[in-house]
Amino acid sequence: MTELYVQEGKNDARTRDVLDKAANENVRVYFVIAVAITTRCESCISVHAAAAAKAGATESEIAGALATAIALNAGAAYTYALRALEAVDAQR
């Protein structure tokens, strides 16, 4: 069932329920900031960087999520990872 929601790209209550059961708030923050970077979504980076700062994510924790995005997305993610760090710093 979970795979079906992921494959369909659902952003509805069922998918959120699966995520709620799968991860705590900080883990979700890391997932979404990494996805924002890999999709190169400027507004997503800003929104999720603010959420990461609000959730109390440490620079080291955020760096881990960014490193994952870079590893999965090669060099292009590096540029967006730097933007995410700048956005987090701007919120502090």
PDB file of N, CA and C in Angstrom:
ATOM      1  N   MET A   1       0.826  -1.193   0.000  1.00  0.00           N
ATOM      2  CA  MET A   1       0.000   0.000   0.000  1.00  0.00           C
ATOM      3  C   MET A   1       0.870   1.257   0.000  1.00  0.00           C
ATOM      4  N   THR A   2       1.881   1.312   0.851  1.00  0.00           N
ATOM      5  CA  THR A   2       2.756   2.481   0.905  1.00  0.00           C
ATOM      6  C   THR A   2       3.399   2.736  -0.446  1.00  0.00           C
ATOM      7  N   GLU A   3       3.855   1.674  -1.108  1.00  0.00           N
ATOM      8  CA  GLU A   3       4.504   1.816  -2.405  1.00  0.00           C
ATOM      9  C   GLU A   3       3.562   2.452  -3.418  1.00  0.00           C
ATOM     10  N   LEU A   4       2.288   2.109  -3.358  1.00  0.00           N
ATOM     11  CA  LEU A   4       1.316   2.673  -4.278  1.00  0.00           C
ATOM     12  C   LEU A   4       1.249   4.183  -4.118  1.00  0.00           C
ATOM     13  N   TYR A   5       1.191   4.665  -2.872  1.00  0.00           N
ATOM     14  CA  TYR A   5       1.124   6.102  -2.645  1.00  0.00           C
ATOM     15  C   TYR A   5       2.379   6.793  -3.160  1.00  0.00           C
ATOM     16  N   VAL A   6       3.519   6.188  -2.932  1.00  0.00           N
ATOM     17  CA  VAL A   6       4.769   6.776  -3.389  1.00  0.00           C
ATOM     18  C   VAL A   6       4.805   6.799  -4.912  1.00  0.00           C
ATOM     19  N   GLN A   7       4.438   5.705  -5.546  1.00  0.00           N
ATOM     20  CA  GLN A   7       4.454   5.630  -7.007  1.00  0.00           C
ATOM     21  C   GLN A   7       3.510   6.641  -7.634  1.00  0.00           C
ATOM     22  N   GLU A   8       2.386   6.862  -7.029  1.00  0.00           N
ATOM     23  CA  GLU A   8       1.409   7.802  -7.576  1.00  0.00           C
ATOM     24  C   GLU A   8       1.742   9.243  -7.208  1.00  0.00           C
ATOM     25  N   GLY A   9       2.703   9.441  -6.325  1.00  0.00           N
ATOM     26  CA  GLY A   9       3.067  10.792  -5.930  1.00  0.00           C
ATOM     27  C   GLY A   9       1.969  11.500  -5.161  1.00  0.00           C
ATOM     28  N   LYS A  10       1.206  10.755  -4.417  1.00  0.00           N
ATOM     29  CA  LYS A  10       0.086  11.341  -3.686  1.00  0.00           C
ATOM     30  C   LYS A  10       0.582  12.299  -2.604  1.00  0.00           C
ATOM     31  N   ASN A  11      -0.080  13.428  -2.490  1.00  0.00           N
ATOM     32  CA  ASN A  11       0.172  14.356  -1.394  1.00  0.00           C
ATOM     33  C   ASN A  11      -1.165  14.564  -0.690  1.00  0.00           C
ATOM     34  N   ASP A  12      -1.646  13.527  -0.101  1.00  0.00           N
ATOM     35  CA  ASP A  12      -2.932  13.589   0.561  1.00  0.00           C
ATOM     36  C   ASP A  12      -2.811  13.053   1.980  1.00  0.00           C
ATOM     37  N   ALA A  13      -3.920  12.950   2.657  1.00  0.00           N
ATOM     38  CA  ALA A  13      -3.915  12.538   4.060  1.00  0.00           C
ATOM     39  C   ALA A  13      -3.330  11.145   4.245  1.00  0.00           C
ATOM     40  N   ARG A  14      -3.569  10.249   3.303  1.00  0.00           N
ATOM     41  CA  ARG A  14      -3.042   8.885   3.443  1.00  0.00           C
ATOM     42  C   ARG A  14      -1.517   8.891   3.411  1.00  0.00           C
ATOM     43  N   THR A  15      -0.951   9.638   2.493  1.00  0.00           N
ATOM     44  CA  THR A  15       0.509   9.691   2.397  1.00  0.00           C
ATOM     45  C   THR A  15       1.099  10.364   3.622  1.00  0.00           C
ATOM     46  N   ARG A  16       0.476  11.450   4.058  1.00  0.00           N
ATOM     47  CA  ARG A  16       0.976  12.122   5.263  1.00  0.00           C
ATOM     48  C   ARG A  16       0.902  11.192   6.464  1.00  0.00           C
ATOM     49  N   ASP A  17      -0.149  10.382   6.538  1.00  0.00           N
ATOM     50  CA  ASP A  17      -0.273   9.426   7.628  1.00  0.00           C
ATOM     51  C   ASP A  17       0.867   8.415   7.597  1.00  0.00           C
ATOM     52  N   VAL A  18       1.214   7.942   6.410  1.00  0.00           N
ATOM     53  CA  VAL A  18       2.335   7.006   6.277  1.00  0.00           C
ATOM     54  C   VAL A  18       3.622   7.673   6.747  1.00  0.00           C
ATOM     55  N   LEU A  19       3.849   8.910   6.326  1.00  0.00           N
ATOM     56  CA  LEU A  19       5.056   9.623   6.747  1.00  0.00           C
ATOM     57  C   LEU A  19       5.065   9.861   8.251  1.00  0.00           C
ATOM     58  N   ASP A  20       3.903  10.192   8.810  1.00  0.00           N
ATOM     59  CA  ASP A  20       3.825  10.405  10.255  1.00  0.00           C
ATOM     60  C   ASP A  20       4.236   9.159  11.018  1.00  0.00           C
ATOM     61  N   LYS A  21       3.855   8.015  10.526  1.00  0.00           N
ATOM     62  CA  LYS A  21       4.193   6.769  11.199  1.00  0.00           C
ATOM     63  C   LYS A  21       5.641   6.368  10.946  1.00  0.00           C
ATOM     64  N   ALA A  22       6.207   6.833   9.843  1.00  0.00           N
ATOM     65  CA  ALA A  22       7.542   6.398   9.440  1.00  0.00           C
ATOM     66  C   ALA A  22       8.658   7.223  10.046  1.00  0.00           C
ATOM     67  N   ALA A  23       8.393   8.453  10.403  1.00  0.00           N
ATOM     68  CA  ALA A  23       9.504   9.321  10.783  1.00  0.00           C
ATOM     69  C   ALA A  23       9.062  10.399  11.759  1.00  0.00           C
ATOM     70  N   ASN A  24      10.001  10.828  12.589  1.00  0.00           N
ATOM     71  CA  ASN A  24       9.706  11.946  13.470  1.00  0.00           C
ATOM     72  C   ASN A  24       9.839  13.252  12.692  1.00  0.00           C
ATOM     73  N   GLU A  25       9.506  14.356  13.318  1.00  0.00           N
ATOM     74  CA  GLU A  25       9.477  15.653  12.630  1.00  0.00           C
ATOM     75  C   GLU A  25      10.823  16.025  12.021  1.00  0.00           C
ATOM     76  N   ASN A  26      11.908  15.833  12.747  1.00  0.00           N
ATOM     77  CA  ASN A  26      13.212  16.203  12.196  1.00  0.00           C
ATOM     78  C   ASN A  26      13.567  15.378  10.974  1.00  0.00           C
ATOM     79  N   VAL A  27      13.248  14.106  10.997  1.00  0.00           N
ATOM     80  CA  VAL A  27      13.553  13.266   9.837  1.00  0.00           C
ATOM     81  C   VAL A  27      12.775  13.756   8.622  1.00  0.00           C
ATOM     82  N   ARG A  28      11.515  14.118   8.802  1.00  0.00           N
ATOM     83  CA  ARG A  28      10.725  14.670   7.688  1.00  0.00           C
ATOM     84  C   ARG A  28      11.351  15.957   7.175  1.00  0.00           C
ATOM     85  N   VAL A  29      11.826  16.800   8.090  1.00  0.00           N
ATOM     86  CA  VAL A  29      12.476  18.053   7.693  1.00  0.00           C
ATOM     87  C   VAL A  29      13.668  17.758   6.792  1.00  0.00           C
ATOM     88  N   TYR A  30      14.452  16.759   7.145  1.00  0.00           N
ATOM     89  CA  TYR A  30      15.628  16.419   6.338  1.00  0.00           C
ATOM     90  C   TYR A  30      15.217  15.878   4.977  1.00  0.00           C
ATOM     91  N   PHE A  31      14.186  15.040   4.957  1.00  0.00           N
ATOM     92  CA  PHE A  31      13.709  14.504   3.678  1.00  0.00           C
ATOM     93  C   PHE A  31      13.301  15.636   2.738  1.00  0.00           C
ATOM     94  N   VAL A  32      12.471  16.527   3.237  1.00  0.00           N
ATOM     95  CA  VAL A  32      11.914  17.539   2.339  1.00  0.00           C
ATOM     96  C   VAL A  32      12.954  18.551   1.886  1.00  0.00           C
ATOM     97  N   ILE A  33      13.916  18.884   2.729  1.00  0.00           N
ATOM     98  CA  ILE A  33      14.947  19.819   2.282  1.00  0.00           C
ATOM     99  C   ILE A  33      15.834  19.149   1.232  1.00  0.00           C
ATOM    100  N   ALA A  34      16.108  17.866   1.384  1.00  0.00           N
ATOM    101  CA  ALA A  34      16.894  17.148   0.372  1.00  0.00           C
ATOM    102  C   ALA A  34      16.126  17.061  -0.944  1.00  0.00           C
ATOM    103  N   VAL A  35      14.830  16.822  -0.867  1.00  0.00           N
ATOM    104  CA  VAL A  35      14.014  16.767  -2.080  1.00  0.00           C
ATOM    105  C   VAL A  35      13.951  18.139  -2.742  1.00  0.00           C
ATOM    106  N   ALA A  36      13.807  19.191  -1.950  1.00  0.00           N
ATOM    107  CA  ALA A  36      13.780  20.546  -2.514  1.00  0.00           C
ATOM    108  C   ALA A  36      15.049  20.836  -3.296  1.00  0.00           C
ATOM    109  N   ILE A  37      16.166  20.353  -2.788  1.00  0.00           N
ATOM    110  CA  ILE A  37      17.439  20.565  -3.475  1.00  0.00           C
ATOM    111  C   ILE A  37      17.493  19.755  -4.760  1.00  0.00           C
ATOM    112  N   THR A  38      17.105  18.499  -4.694  1.00  0.00           N
ATOM    113  CA  THR A  38      17.209  17.662  -5.894  1.00  0.00           C
ATOM    114  C   THR A  38      16.241  18.101  -6.985  1.00  0.00           C
ATOM    115  N   THR A  39      15.127  18.723  -6.604  1.00  0.00           N
ATOM    116  CA  THR A  39      14.186  19.224  -7.605  1.00  0.00           C
ATOM    117  C   THR A  39      14.513  20.646  -8.033  1.00  0.00           C
ATOM    118  N   ARG A  40      15.504  21.248  -7.384  1.00  0.00           N
ATOM    119  CA  ARG A  40      15.970  22.604  -7.712  1.00  0.00           C
ATOM    120  C   ARG A  40      14.842  23.628  -7.617  1.00  0.00           C
ATOM    121  N   CYS A  41      14.053  23.500  -6.581  1.00  0.00           N
ATOM    122  CA  CYS A  41      12.906  24.386  -6.370  1.00  0.00           C
ATOM    123  C   CYS A  41      13.300  25.494  -5.395  1.00  0.00           C
ATOM    124  N   GLU A  42      13.510  26.698  -5.921  1.00  0.00           N
ATOM    125  CA  GLU A  42      13.967  27.821  -5.095  1.00  0.00           C
ATOM    126  C   GLU A  42      13.011  28.116  -3.939  1.00  0.00           C
ATOM    127  N   SER A  43      11.718  28.210  -4.241  1.00  0.00           N
ATOM    128  CA  SER A  43      10.772  28.530  -3.173  1.00  0.00           C
ATOM    129  C   SER A  43      10.663  27.387  -2.170  1.00  0.00           C
ATOM    130  N   CYS A  44      10.784  26.142  -2.646  1.00  0.00           N
ATOM    131  CA  CYS A  44      10.753  24.989  -1.738  1.00  0.00           C
ATOM    132  C   CYS A  44      11.944  25.024  -0.789  1.00  0.00           C
ATOM    133  N   ILE A  45      13.112  25.380  -1.317  1.00  0.00           N
ATOM    134  CA  ILE A  45      14.311  25.475  -0.479  1.00  0.00           C
ATOM    135  C   ILE A  45      14.085  26.490   0.629  1.00  0.00           C
ATOM    136  N   SER A  46      13.546  27.662   0.285  1.00  0.00           N
ATOM    137  CA  SER A  46      13.305  28.699   1.288  1.00  0.00           C
ATOM    138  C   SER A  46      12.326  28.238   2.355  1.00  0.00           C
ATOM    139  N   VAL A  47      11.221  27.652   1.918  1.00  0.00           N
ATOM    140  CA  VAL A  47      10.185  27.198   2.854  1.00  0.00           C
ATOM    141  C   VAL A  47      10.723  26.111   3.773  1.00  0.00           C
ATOM    142  N   HIS A  48      11.413  25.134   3.205  1.00  0.00           N
ATOM    143  CA  HIS A  48      11.866  24.003   4.006  1.00  0.00           C
ATOM    144  C   HIS A  48      13.099  24.343   4.837  1.00  0.00           C
ATOM    145  N   ALA A  49      13.902  25.303   4.393  1.00  0.00           N
ATOM    146  CA  ALA A  49      15.011  25.778   5.222  1.00  0.00           C
ATOM    147  C   ALA A  49      14.463  26.472   6.467  1.00  0.00           C
ATOM    148  N   ALA A  50      13.420  27.264   6.277  1.00  0.00           N
ATOM    149  CA  ALA A  50      12.783  27.916   7.427  1.00  0.00           C
ATOM    150  C   ALA A  50      12.193  26.875   8.375  1.00  0.00           C
ATOM    151  N   ALA A  51      11.578  25.839   7.824  1.00  0.00           N
ATOM    152  CA  ALA A  51      11.012  24.771   8.659  1.00  0.00           C
ATOM    153  C   ALA A  51      12.104  24.040   9.419  1.00  0.00           C
ATOM    154  N   ALA A  52      13.243  23.823   8.776  1.00  0.00           N
ATOM    155  CA  ALA A  52      14.361  23.145   9.441  1.00  0.00           C
ATOM    156  C   ALA A  52      14.875  23.983  10.601  1.00  0.00           C
ATOM    157  N   ALA A  53      15.027  25.282  10.369  1.00  0.00           N
ATOM    158  CA  ALA A  53      15.490  26.171  11.437  1.00  0.00           C
ATOM    159  C   ALA A  53      14.480  26.193  12.586  1.00  0.00           C
ATOM    160  N   LYS A  54      13.197  26.281  12.251  1.00  0.00           N
ATOM    161  CA  LYS A  54      12.144  26.308  13.270  1.00  0.00           C
ATOM    162  C   LYS A  54      12.103  25.009  14.068  1.00  0.00           C
ATOM    163  N   ALA A  55      12.372  23.884  13.401  1.00  0.00           N
ATOM    164  CA  ALA A  55      12.351  22.579  14.070  1.00  0.00           C
ATOM    165  C   ALA A  55      13.577  22.367  14.948  1.00  0.00           C
ATOM    166  N   GLY A  56      14.537  23.296  14.869  1.00  0.00           N
ATOM    167  CA  GLY A  56      15.733  23.183  15.700  1.00  0.00           C
ATOM    168  C   GLY A  56      16.805  22.281  15.122  1.00  0.00           C
ATOM    169  N   ALA A  57      16.727  22.018  13.829  1.00  0.00           N
ATOM    170  CA  ALA A  57      17.739  21.172  13.192  1.00  0.00           C
ATOM    171  C   ALA A  57      19.106  21.838  13.301  1.00  0.00           C
ATOM    172  N   THR A  58      20.101  21.062  13.656  1.00  0.00           N
ATOM    173  CA  THR A  58      21.455  21.603  13.767  1.00  0.00           C
ATOM    174  C   THR A  58      22.078  21.722  12.383  1.00  0.00           C
ATOM    175  N   GLU A  59      23.126  22.528  12.305  1.00  0.00           N
ATOM    176  CA  GLU A  59      23.825  22.681  11.034  1.00  0.00           C
ATOM    177  C   GLU A  59      24.379  21.338  10.559  1.00  0.00           C
ATOM    178  N   SER A  60      24.858  20.540  11.497  1.00  0.00           N
ATOM    179  CA  SER A  60      25.396  19.225  11.157  1.00  0.00           C
ATOM    180  C   SER A  60      24.311  18.304  10.603  1.00  0.00           C
ATOM    181  N   GLU A  61      23.134  18.335  11.199  1.00  0.00           N
ATOM    182  CA  GLU A  61      22.026  17.503  10.720  1.00  0.00           C
ATOM    183  C   GLU A  61      21.587  17.925   9.321  1.00  0.00           C
ATOM    184  N   ILE A  62      21.477  19.224   9.124  1.00  0.00           N
ATOM    185  CA  ILE A  62      21.092  19.732   7.808  1.00  0.00           C
ATOM    186  C   ILE A  62      22.165  19.384   6.784  1.00  0.00           C
ATOM    187  N   ALA A  63      23.424  19.518   7.179  1.00  0.00           N
ATOM    188  CA  ALA A  63      24.525  19.179   6.271  1.00  0.00           C
ATOM    189  C   ALA A  63      24.445  17.719   5.837  1.00  0.00           C
ATOM    190  N   GLY A  64      24.026  16.838   6.732  1.00  0.00           N
ATOM    191  CA  GLY A  64      23.866  15.431   6.375  1.00  0.00           C
ATOM    192  C   GLY A  64      22.805  15.235   5.310  1.00  0.00           C
ATOM    193  N   ALA A  65      21.686  15.940   5.453  1.00  0.00           N
ATOM    194  CA  ALA A  65      20.628  15.857   4.439  1.00  0.00           C
ATOM    195  C   ALA A  65      21.110  16.432   3.115  1.00  0.00           C
ATOM    196  N   LEU A  66      21.839  17.530   3.189  1.00  0.00           N
ATOM    197  CA  LEU A  66      22.350  18.155   1.972  1.00  0.00           C
ATOM    198  C   LEU A  66      23.379  17.267   1.292  1.00  0.00           C
ATOM    199  N   ALA A  67      24.210  16.608   2.084  1.00  0.00           N
ATOM    200  CA  ALA A  67      25.208  15.697   1.515  1.00  0.00           C
ATOM    201  C   ALA A  67      24.531  14.541   0.785  1.00  0.00           C
ATOM    202  N   THR A  68      23.418  14.072   1.332  1.00  0.00           N
ATOM    203  CA  THR A  68      22.671  13.009   0.669  1.00  0.00           C
ATOM    204  C   THR A  68      22.140  13.490  -0.676  1.00  0.00           C
ATOM    205  N   ALA A  69      21.583  14.705  -0.695  1.00  0.00           N
ATOM    206  CA  ALA A  69      21.078  15.261  -1.953  1.00  0.00           C
ATOM    207  C   ALA A  69      22.201  15.417  -2.969  1.00  0.00           C
ATOM    208  N   ILE A  70      23.354  15.878  -2.507  1.00  0.00           N
ATOM    209  CA  ILE A  70      24.501  16.052  -3.406  1.00  0.00           C
ATOM    210  C   ILE A  70      24.938  14.710  -3.973  1.00  0.00           C
ATOM    211  N   ALA A  71      25.027  13.711  -3.112  1.00  0.00           N
ATOM    212  CA  ALA A  71      25.463  12.386  -3.557  1.00  0.00           C
ATOM    213  C   ALA A  71      24.501  11.804  -4.590  1.00  0.00           C
ATOM    214  N   LEU A  72      23.222  12.045  -4.409  1.00  0.00           N
ATOM    215  CA  LEU A  72      22.227  11.510  -5.332  1.00  0.00           C
ATOM    216  C   LEU A  72      22.107  12.325  -6.610  1.00  0.00           C
ATOM    217  N   ASN A  73      22.521  13.570  -6.537  1.00  0.00           N
ATOM    218  CA  ASN A  73      22.264  14.488  -7.640  1.00  0.00           C
ATOM    219  C   ASN A  73      23.535  15.073  -8.232  1.00  0.00           C
ATOM    220  N   ALA A  74      24.662  14.607  -7.777  1.00  0.00           N
ATOM    221  CA  ALA A  74      25.976  15.057  -8.256  1.00  0.00           C
ATOM    222  C   ALA A  74      26.158  16.560  -8.067  1.00  0.00           C
ATOM    223  N   GLY A  75      26.910  17.171  -8.918  1.00  0.00           N
ATOM    224  CA  GLY A  75      27.326  18.556  -8.734  1.00  0.00           C
ATOM    225  C   GLY A  75      26.214  19.579  -8.698  1.00  0.00           C
ATOM    226  N   ALA A  76      25.148  19.360  -9.444  1.00  0.00           N
ATOM    227  CA  ALA A  76      24.071  20.345  -9.475  1.00  0.00           C
ATOM    228  C   ALA A  76      23.483  20.573  -8.089  1.00  0.00           C
ATOM    229  N   ALA A  77      23.384  19.526  -7.297  1.00  0.00           N
ATOM    230  CA  ALA A  77      22.815  19.664  -5.957  1.00  0.00           C
ATOM    231  C   ALA A  77      23.719  20.489  -5.052  1.00  0.00           C
ATOM    232  N   TYR A  78      25.012  20.504  -5.319  1.00  0.00           N
ATOM    233  CA  TYR A  78      25.949  21.265  -4.485  1.00  0.00           C
ATOM    234  C   TYR A  78      25.570  22.742  -4.468  1.00  0.00           C
ATOM    235  N   THR A  79      25.282  23.300  -5.625  1.00  0.00           N
ATOM    236  CA  THR A  79      24.911  24.705  -5.718  1.00  0.00           C
ATOM    237  C   THR A  79      23.656  24.992  -4.910  1.00  0.00           C
ATOM    238  N   TYR A  80      22.664  24.133  -5.029  1.00  0.00           N
ATOM    239  CA  TYR A  80      21.416  24.336  -4.307  1.00  0.00           C
ATOM    240  C   TYR A  80      21.573  24.057  -2.818  1.00  0.00           C
ATOM    241  N   ALA A  81      22.477  23.174  -2.456  1.00  0.00           N
ATOM    242  CA  ALA A  81      22.758  22.925  -1.044  1.00  0.00           C
ATOM    243  C   ALA A  81      23.319  24.180  -0.392  1.00  0.00           C
ATOM    244  N   LEU A  82      24.194  24.882  -1.101  1.00  0.00           N
ATOM    245  CA  LEU A  82      24.729  26.140  -0.573  1.00  0.00           C
ATOM    246  C   LEU A  82      23.610  27.158  -0.374  1.00  0.00           C
ATOM    247  N   ARG A  83      22.682  27.206  -1.298  1.00  0.00           N
ATOM    248  CA  ARG A  83      21.536  28.117  -1.155  1.00  0.00           C
ATOM    249  C   ARG A  83      20.685  27.743   0.054  1.00  0.00           C
ATOM    250  N   ALA A  84      20.519  26.451   0.292  1.00  0.00           N
ATOM    251  CA  ALA A  84      19.744  26.007   1.452  1.00  0.00           C
ATOM    252  C   ALA A  84      20.427  26.418   2.748  1.00  0.00           C
ATOM    253  N   LEU A  85      21.748  26.267   2.813  1.00  0.00           N
ATOM    254  CA  LEU A  85      22.479  26.696   4.013  1.00  0.00           C
ATOM    255  C   LEU A  85      22.334  28.193   4.229  1.00  0.00           C
ATOM    256  N   GLU A  86      22.422  28.971   3.160  1.00  0.00           N
ATOM    257  CA  GLU A  86      22.239  30.420   3.270  1.00  0.00           C
ATOM    258  C   GLU A  86      20.838  30.753   3.772  1.00  0.00           C
ATOM    259  N   ALA A  87      19.839  30.032   3.283  1.00  0.00           N
ATOM    260  CA  ALA A  87      18.462  30.272   3.710  1.00  0.00           C
ATOM    261  C   ALA A  87      18.266  29.920   5.175  1.00  0.00           C
ATOM    262  N   VAL A  88      18.878  28.832   5.638  1.00  0.00           N
ATOM    263  CA  VAL A  88      18.793  28.463   7.060  1.00  0.00           C
ATOM    264  C   VAL A  88      19.471  29.534   7.901  1.00  0.00           C
ATOM    265  N   ASP A  89      20.664  29.958   7.502  1.00  0.00           N
ATOM    266  CA  ASP A  89      21.382  30.997   8.246  1.00  0.00           C
ATOM    267  C   ASP A  89      20.574  32.287   8.317  1.00  0.00           C
ATOM    268  N   ALA A  90      19.868  32.617   7.257  1.00  0.00           N
ATOM    269  CA  ALA A  90      19.058  33.835   7.233  1.00  0.00           C
ATOM    270  C   ALA A  90      17.906  33.773   8.231  1.00  0.00           C
ATOM    271  N   GLN A  91      17.479  32.570   8.598  1.00  0.00           N
ATOM    272  CA  GLN A  91      16.378  32.408   9.548  1.00  0.00           C
ATOM    273  C   GLN A  91      16.833  32.474  10.997  1.00  0.00           C
ATOM    274  N   ARG A  92      18.125  32.415  11.226  1.00  0.00           N
ATOM    275  CA  ARG A  92      18.642  32.391  12.602  1.00  0.00           C
ATOM    276  C   ARG A  92      19.015  33.755  13.084  1.00  0.00           C
TER     277      ARG A  92
END
